[in-house]
Amino acid sequence: MRQTDAASGVYRADALLALTDDTGLIQHSKYSLPDPQHGYSADDNARALLLAAELYARRKEAGRAVP
């Protein structure tokens, strides 16, 4: 699921955000569409939380505004 901008090598989180709803990260998808029929996975959501914390820290270090 990791997507990068080929020109800059910058990580893009849009694929991850597309699989996320108000409850968390949906476990499965059909191609790029989330499939909520299968529910959520605690370990997938834990990894998503770690990624979000890492992206937040990198953005803060770079001095960019953090929403």
Protein backbone atom coordinates (compact mmCIF):
# COMPACT_ATOMS: atom_id res chain seq x y z
CA MET A 1 0.00 0.00 0.00
CA ARG A 2 2.99 2.29 0.27
CA GLN A 3 2.75 4.99 -2.35
CA THR A 4 5.43 7.54 -3.11
CA ASP A 5 5.65 10.46 -5.45
CA ALA A 6 8.21 9.08 -7.92
CA ALA A 7 9.74 12.51 -8.56
CA SER A 8 10.38 13.42 -4.92
CA GLY A 9 10.26 10.09 -3.04
CA VAL A 10 7.79 11.65 -0.61
CA TYR A 11 5.34 9.25 1.04
CA ARG A 12 1.70 9.84 0.15
CA ALA A 13 -0.88 8.71 2.68
CA ASP A 14 -3.94 9.00 0.41
CA ALA A 15 -4.23 5.22 -0.09
CA LEU A 16 -4.20 4.70 3.67
CA LEU A 17 -6.71 7.49 4.22
CA ALA A 18 -9.03 5.97 1.60
CA LEU A 19 -9.25 2.79 3.72
CA THR A 20 -9.93 4.70 6.94
CA ASP A 21 -13.31 5.69 8.36
CA ASP A 22 -14.45 7.14 11.70
CA THR A 23 -13.82 3.79 13.42
CA GLY A 24 -10.40 2.93 12.04
CA LEU A 25 -8.62 1.23 9.17
CA ILE A 26 -10.83 -1.21 7.26
CA GLN A 27 -9.14 -4.61 6.99
CA HIS A 28 -9.87 -5.45 3.34
CA SER A 29 -10.60 -3.71 0.08
CA LYS A 30 -11.74 -4.60 -3.39
CA TYR A 31 -9.00 -2.99 -5.44
CA SER A 32 -8.98 0.62 -4.19
CA LEU A 33 -12.44 0.53 -2.60
CA PRO A 34 -12.78 -0.25 1.12
CA ASP A 35 -14.84 -3.38 1.88
CA PRO A 36 -16.35 -2.80 5.35
CA GLN A 37 -18.05 -6.21 5.21
CA HIS A 38 -14.85 -7.75 6.67
CA GLY A 39 -14.50 -5.26 9.51
CA TYR A 40 -11.31 -4.10 11.17
CA SER A 41 -8.07 -5.69 12.33
CA ALA A 42 -6.45 -4.60 15.58
CA ASP A 43 -2.91 -5.21 14.30
CA ASP A 44 -3.56 -3.25 11.07
CA ASN A 45 -4.90 -0.36 13.12
CA ALA A 46 -1.89 -0.52 15.46
CA ARG A 47 0.48 -0.28 12.48
CA ALA A 48 -1.55 2.63 11.08
CA LEU A 49 -1.24 4.41 14.43
CA LEU A 50 2.54 3.93 14.40
CA LEU A 51 2.72 5.27 10.84
CA ALA A 52 0.59 8.29 11.75
CA ALA A 53 2.86 9.06 14.73
CA GLU A 54 5.96 8.76 12.52
CA LEU A 55 4.50 11.03 9.82
CA TYR A 56 3.50 13.54 12.49
CA ALA A 57 7.01 13.55 13.96
CA ARG A 58 8.64 13.99 10.54
CA ARG A 59 6.31 16.84 9.65
CA LYS A 60 6.97 18.54 12.99
CA GLU A 61 10.76 18.13 12.57
CA ALA A 62 10.58 19.68 9.12
CA GLY A 63 8.91 22.73 10.66
CA ARG A 64 5.72 22.32 8.65
CA ALA A 65 2.41 23.17 10.22
CA VAL A 66 0.78 20.19 11.88
CA PRO A 67 -3.03 20.24 11.63
